[in-house]
């Protein structure tokens, strides 16, 4: 169940990052409220996942999901630049997550 918590927490990190962008530096009320609500939900699920997963593994996977997901949302929804270098960097993050998950001590087994 811990991996489910981390996965959902990572997805919620993408959501709060999107709303943070929409908040325009926390100058718009509802996107700011959404940012904080999704942030609290994400951190809560992260902490639940950390109860049975190593802290380093849980945190790396959570931030990796958020980073790659925010990149994809930025390109797809916000019209941010898509380049070979940016895609390569995102793929390296994904590869790192897979290796981290499969590594001994990563609680992947």
N, C-alpha and C. Protein backbone atom coordinates (compact mmCIF):
# COMPACT_ATOMS: atom_id res chain seq x y z
N UNK A 1 0.81 -1.20 0.00
CA UNK A 1 0.00 0.00 0.00
C UNK A 1 0.86 1.27 0.00
N UNK A 2 2.07 1.15 0.56
CA UNK A 2 2.96 2.31 0.64
C UNK A 2 3.27 2.87 -0.75
N UNK A 3 3.47 1.97 -1.72
CA UNK A 3 3.77 2.43 -3.08
C UNK A 3 2.58 3.16 -3.69
N UNK A 4 1.38 2.75 -3.36
CA UNK A 4 0.18 3.44 -3.85
C UNK A 4 0.15 4.85 -3.26
N UNK A 5 0.45 4.97 -1.97
CA UNK A 5 0.50 6.30 -1.34
C UNK A 5 1.52 7.19 -2.04
N UNK A 6 2.69 6.65 -2.31
CA UNK A 6 3.75 7.44 -2.95
C UNK A 6 3.34 7.84 -4.36
N UNK A 7 2.75 6.93 -5.09
CA UNK A 7 2.29 7.23 -6.46
C UNK A 7 1.25 8.35 -6.44
N UNK A 8 0.25 8.23 -5.59
CA UNK A 8 -0.79 9.26 -5.54
C UNK A 8 -0.21 10.57 -5.03
N UNK A 9 0.68 10.50 -4.06
CA UNK A 9 1.33 11.72 -3.55
C UNK A 9 2.11 12.42 -4.67
N UNK A 10 2.80 11.64 -5.50
CA UNK A 10 3.54 12.22 -6.62
C UNK A 10 2.62 12.86 -7.64
N UNK A 11 1.49 12.21 -7.91
CA UNK A 11 0.52 12.79 -8.84
C UNK A 11 -0.07 14.08 -8.28
N UNK A 12 -0.32 14.10 -6.99
CA UNK A 12 -0.83 15.32 -6.36
C UNK A 12 0.22 16.43 -6.36
N UNK A 13 1.48 16.05 -6.33
CA UNK A 13 2.55 17.06 -6.43
C UNK A 13 2.47 17.77 -7.78
N UNK A 14 2.17 17.03 -8.84
CA UNK A 14 2.00 17.63 -10.16
C UNK A 14 0.84 18.62 -10.13
N UNK A 15 -0.25 18.22 -9.50
CA UNK A 15 -1.44 19.08 -9.43
C UNK A 15 -1.13 20.36 -8.67
N UNK A 16 -0.47 20.24 -7.51
CA UNK A 16 -0.20 21.48 -6.77
C UNK A 16 0.81 22.37 -7.48
N UNK A 17 1.74 21.78 -8.20
CA UNK A 17 2.67 22.60 -8.97
C UNK A 17 1.94 23.38 -10.06
N UNK A 18 0.99 22.73 -10.70
CA UNK A 18 0.19 23.40 -11.73
C UNK A 18 -0.59 24.57 -11.12
N UNK A 19 -1.26 24.31 -10.01
CA UNK A 19 -2.04 25.38 -9.39
C UNK A 19 -1.14 26.49 -8.84
N UNK A 20 0.07 26.14 -8.42
CA UNK A 20 1.00 27.17 -7.96
C UNK A 20 1.32 28.12 -9.12
N UNK A 21 1.53 27.55 -10.30
CA UNK A 21 1.77 28.38 -11.48
C UNK A 21 0.56 29.27 -11.76
N UNK A 22 -0.63 28.69 -11.64
CA UNK A 22 -1.86 29.45 -11.89
C UNK A 22 -2.11 30.52 -10.83
N UNK A 23 -1.52 30.35 -9.65
CA UNK A 23 -1.75 31.31 -8.56
C UNK A 23 -1.05 32.65 -8.80
N UNK A 24 -0.14 32.68 -9.78
CA UNK A 24 0.59 33.91 -10.11
C UNK A 24 1.28 34.49 -8.88
N UNK A 25 2.12 33.64 -8.27
CA UNK A 25 2.86 34.08 -7.09
C UNK A 25 1.97 34.26 -5.87
N UNK A 26 0.96 33.43 -5.77
CA UNK A 26 -0.02 33.47 -4.68
C UNK A 26 -0.79 34.79 -4.63
N UNK A 27 -1.01 35.38 -5.80
CA UNK A 27 -1.80 36.61 -5.86
C UNK A 27 -3.24 36.34 -6.28
N UNK A 28 -3.55 35.11 -6.69
CA UNK A 28 -4.92 34.73 -7.07
C UNK A 28 -5.44 33.74 -6.02
N UNK A 29 -6.59 34.05 -5.44
CA UNK A 29 -7.10 33.32 -4.29
C UNK A 29 -7.32 31.83 -4.54
N UNK A 30 -8.19 31.46 -5.48
CA UNK A 30 -8.57 30.06 -5.62
C UNK A 30 -7.44 29.16 -6.09
N UNK A 31 -6.62 29.58 -7.03
CA UNK A 31 -5.46 28.72 -7.33
C UNK A 31 -4.51 28.59 -6.13
N UNK A 32 -4.41 29.63 -5.32
CA UNK A 32 -3.56 29.57 -4.12
C UNK A 32 -4.14 28.57 -3.12
N UNK A 33 -5.45 28.62 -2.91
CA UNK A 33 -6.12 27.68 -2.01
C UNK A 33 -5.94 26.25 -2.52
N UNK A 34 -6.13 26.05 -3.82
CA UNK A 34 -5.96 24.72 -4.40
C UNK A 34 -4.52 24.24 -4.23
N UNK A 35 -3.57 25.12 -4.43
CA UNK A 35 -2.15 24.76 -4.23
C UNK A 35 -1.95 24.21 -2.83
N UNK A 36 -2.40 24.95 -1.84
CA UNK A 36 -2.18 24.53 -0.45
C UNK A 36 -2.92 23.24 -0.12
N UNK A 37 -4.14 23.09 -0.62
CA UNK A 37 -4.92 21.87 -0.34
C UNK A 37 -4.25 20.64 -0.95
N UNK A 38 -3.84 20.74 -2.22
CA UNK A 38 -3.19 19.59 -2.85
C UNK A 38 -1.81 19.34 -2.26
N UNK A 39 -1.15 20.38 -1.80
CA UNK A 39 0.15 20.24 -1.16
C UNK A 39 0.01 19.44 0.14
N UNK A 40 -0.97 19.81 0.95
CA UNK A 40 -1.20 19.10 2.21
C UNK A 40 -1.55 17.63 1.93
N UNK A 41 -2.40 17.39 0.95
CA UNK A 41 -2.77 16.01 0.61
C UNK A 41 -1.54 15.22 0.14
N UNK A 42 -0.72 15.84 -0.69
CA UNK A 42 0.48 15.18 -1.20
C UNK A 42 1.45 14.84 -0.07
N UNK A 43 1.71 15.81 0.82
CA UNK A 43 2.62 15.57 1.94
C UNK A 43 2.07 14.52 2.89
N UNK A 44 0.76 14.52 3.09
CA UNK A 44 0.15 13.52 3.97
C UNK A 44 0.36 12.12 3.43
N UNK A 45 0.10 11.93 2.14
CA UNK A 45 0.30 10.61 1.54
C UNK A 45 1.77 10.23 1.51
N UNK A 46 2.64 11.20 1.26
CA UNK A 46 4.08 10.92 1.31
C UNK A 46 4.47 10.41 2.70
N UNK A 47 3.97 11.07 3.73
CA UNK A 47 4.32 10.65 5.10
C UNK A 47 3.77 9.25 5.40
N UNK A 48 2.60 8.94 4.86
CA UNK A 48 2.03 7.60 5.06
C UNK A 48 2.88 6.54 4.36
N UNK A 49 3.37 6.86 3.16
CA UNK A 49 4.25 5.93 2.45
C UNK A 49 5.57 5.73 3.16
N UNK A 50 6.06 6.79 3.80
CA UNK A 50 7.34 6.71 4.50
C UNK A 50 7.28 5.86 5.77
N UNK A 51 6.09 5.51 6.20
CA UNK A 51 5.99 4.65 7.38
C UNK A 51 6.63 3.30 7.13
N UNK A 52 6.55 2.81 5.89
CA UNK A 52 7.10 1.47 5.63
C UNK A 52 8.15 1.43 4.53
N UNK A 53 8.40 2.55 3.87
CA UNK A 53 9.45 2.60 2.85
C UNK A 53 10.63 3.42 3.38
N UNK A 54 11.82 3.13 2.89
CA UNK A 54 12.96 3.97 3.28
C UNK A 54 12.71 5.42 2.86
N UNK A 55 13.11 6.35 3.71
CA UNK A 55 12.87 7.76 3.43
C UNK A 55 13.45 8.18 2.09
N UNK A 56 14.69 7.80 1.82
CA UNK A 56 15.33 8.20 0.57
C UNK A 56 14.58 7.69 -0.66
N UNK A 57 14.15 6.45 -0.61
CA UNK A 57 13.41 5.87 -1.73
C UNK A 57 12.10 6.59 -1.94
N UNK A 58 11.33 6.74 -0.87
CA UNK A 58 10.03 7.40 -0.97
C UNK A 58 10.17 8.82 -1.49
N UNK A 59 11.12 9.56 -0.97
CA UNK A 59 11.27 10.96 -1.35
C UNK A 59 11.75 11.10 -2.80
N UNK A 60 12.69 10.27 -3.19
CA UNK A 60 13.20 10.33 -4.57
C UNK A 60 12.09 10.00 -5.57
N UNK A 61 11.31 8.96 -5.29
CA UNK A 61 10.24 8.59 -6.21
C UNK A 61 9.18 9.68 -6.25
N UNK A 62 8.80 10.22 -5.10
CA UNK A 62 7.81 11.30 -5.02
C UNK A 62 8.25 12.52 -5.83
N UNK A 63 9.48 12.97 -5.60
CA UNK A 63 9.95 14.15 -6.33
C UNK A 63 10.13 13.86 -7.81
N UNK A 64 10.54 12.64 -8.14
CA UNK A 64 10.71 12.29 -9.56
C UNK A 64 9.39 12.29 -10.31
N UNK A 65 8.36 11.70 -9.70
CA UNK A 65 7.04 11.73 -10.32
C UNK A 65 6.59 13.17 -10.51
N UNK A 66 6.78 13.98 -9.48
CA UNK A 66 6.38 15.38 -9.56
C UNK A 66 7.15 16.15 -10.62
N UNK A 67 8.46 15.92 -10.68
CA UNK A 67 9.29 16.66 -11.63
C UNK A 67 8.95 16.31 -13.07
N UNK A 68 8.88 15.03 -13.36
CA UNK A 68 8.58 14.61 -14.73
C UNK A 68 7.14 14.97 -15.09
N UNK A 69 6.24 14.77 -14.15
CA UNK A 69 4.84 15.12 -14.40
C UNK A 69 4.65 16.61 -14.63
N UNK A 70 5.33 17.43 -13.84
CA UNK A 70 5.24 18.89 -14.03
C UNK A 70 5.81 19.29 -15.38
N UNK A 71 6.87 18.62 -15.80
CA UNK A 71 7.44 18.88 -17.13
C UNK A 71 6.40 18.59 -18.21
N UNK A 72 5.75 17.44 -18.12
CA UNK A 72 4.75 17.05 -19.12
C UNK A 72 3.57 18.02 -19.10
N UNK A 73 3.08 18.36 -17.93
CA UNK A 73 1.96 19.31 -17.82
C UNK A 73 2.37 20.67 -18.38
N UNK A 74 3.58 21.09 -18.10
CA UNK A 74 4.06 22.36 -18.62
C UNK A 74 4.06 22.39 -20.14
N UNK A 75 4.50 21.31 -20.74
CA UNK A 75 4.54 21.24 -22.21
C UNK A 75 3.13 21.13 -22.78
N UNK A 76 2.34 20.22 -22.22
CA UNK A 76 1.02 19.92 -22.79
C UNK A 76 0.00 21.03 -22.51
N UNK A 77 -0.06 21.51 -21.29
CA UNK A 77 -1.10 22.48 -20.92
C UNK A 77 -0.66 23.94 -20.96
N UNK A 78 0.62 24.17 -20.73
CA UNK A 78 1.09 25.55 -20.61
C UNK A 78 1.93 26.01 -21.79
N UNK A 79 2.12 25.15 -22.77
CA UNK A 79 2.85 25.54 -23.97
C UNK A 79 4.33 25.77 -23.76
N UNK A 80 4.91 25.13 -22.75
CA UNK A 80 6.34 25.29 -22.51
C UNK A 80 7.13 24.57 -23.61
N UNK A 81 8.36 24.96 -23.78
CA UNK A 81 9.22 24.45 -24.84
C UNK A 81 9.47 22.96 -24.70
N UNK A 82 9.33 22.27 -25.81
CA UNK A 82 9.67 20.85 -25.89
C UNK A 82 10.89 20.74 -26.79
N UNK A 83 11.97 20.23 -26.22
CA UNK A 83 13.18 20.06 -27.01
C UNK A 83 13.76 18.67 -26.72
N UNK A 84 14.63 18.25 -27.58
CA UNK A 84 15.28 16.96 -27.41
C UNK A 84 16.02 16.90 -26.08
N UNK A 85 16.69 17.96 -25.71
CA UNK A 85 17.44 18.00 -24.46
C UNK A 85 16.53 17.88 -23.24
N UNK A 86 15.40 18.55 -23.27
CA UNK A 86 14.47 18.49 -22.14
C UNK A 86 13.84 17.10 -22.03
N UNK A 87 13.51 16.51 -23.17
CA UNK A 87 12.96 15.14 -23.16
C UNK A 87 14.02 14.17 -22.65
N UNK A 88 15.25 14.32 -23.10
CA UNK A 88 16.34 13.45 -22.64
C UNK A 88 16.53 13.57 -21.13
N UNK A 89 16.47 14.78 -20.62
CA UNK A 89 16.62 14.99 -19.18
C UNK A 89 15.48 14.32 -18.41
N UNK A 90 14.25 14.45 -18.90
CA UNK A 90 13.11 13.81 -18.24
C UNK A 90 13.25 12.29 -18.28
N UNK A 91 13.71 11.75 -19.40
CA UNK A 91 13.92 10.31 -19.50
C UNK A 91 15.01 9.81 -18.55
N UNK A 92 16.02 10.63 -18.34
CA UNK A 92 17.07 10.27 -17.37
C UNK A 92 16.50 10.22 -15.95
N UNK A 93 15.61 11.15 -15.65
CA UNK A 93 14.97 11.12 -14.33
C UNK A 93 14.16 9.84 -14.18
N UNK A 94 13.38 9.49 -15.20
CA UNK A 94 12.58 8.27 -15.16
C UNK A 94 13.48 7.05 -15.01
N UNK A 95 14.57 7.00 -15.76
CA UNK A 95 15.51 5.88 -15.65
C UNK A 95 16.07 5.81 -14.23
N UNK A 96 16.39 6.94 -13.66
CA UNK A 96 16.89 6.98 -12.29
C UNK A 96 15.86 6.45 -11.30
N UNK A 97 14.60 6.79 -11.51
CA UNK A 97 13.54 6.30 -10.63
C UNK A 97 13.42 4.78 -10.70
N UNK A 98 13.48 4.26 -11.92
CA UNK A 98 13.38 2.81 -12.09
C UNK A 98 14.55 2.11 -11.40
N UNK A 99 15.74 2.62 -11.61
CA UNK A 99 16.92 2.02 -10.98
C UNK A 99 16.82 2.11 -9.46
N UNK A 100 16.40 3.26 -8.96
CA UNK A 100 16.26 3.45 -7.52
C UNK A 100 15.27 2.45 -6.94
N UNK A 101 14.18 2.25 -7.65
CA UNK A 101 13.11 1.34 -7.20
C UNK A 101 13.59 -0.11 -7.19
N UNK A 102 14.41 -0.48 -8.17
CA UNK A 102 14.87 -1.86 -8.28
C UNK A 102 16.12 -2.17 -7.48
N UNK A 103 16.81 -1.13 -7.03
CA UNK A 103 18.06 -1.32 -6.30
C UNK A 103 17.84 -2.04 -4.97
N UNK A 104 18.81 -2.84 -4.56
CA UNK A 104 18.71 -3.46 -3.24
C UNK A 104 18.51 -2.38 -2.16
N UNK A 105 17.58 -2.64 -1.27
CA UNK A 105 17.28 -1.67 -0.22
C UNK A 105 16.24 -0.67 -0.62
N UNK A 106 15.77 -0.71 -1.88
CA UNK A 106 14.78 0.24 -2.35
C UNK A 106 13.35 -0.20 -2.10
N UNK A 107 13.19 -1.31 -1.40
CA UNK A 107 11.87 -1.87 -1.06
C UNK A 107 11.02 -2.13 -2.29
N UNK A 108 11.68 -2.50 -3.38
CA UNK A 108 10.95 -2.79 -4.60
C UNK A 108 10.55 -4.25 -4.70
N UNK A 109 10.99 -5.07 -3.75
CA UNK A 109 10.73 -6.51 -3.86
C UNK A 109 9.80 -6.99 -2.79
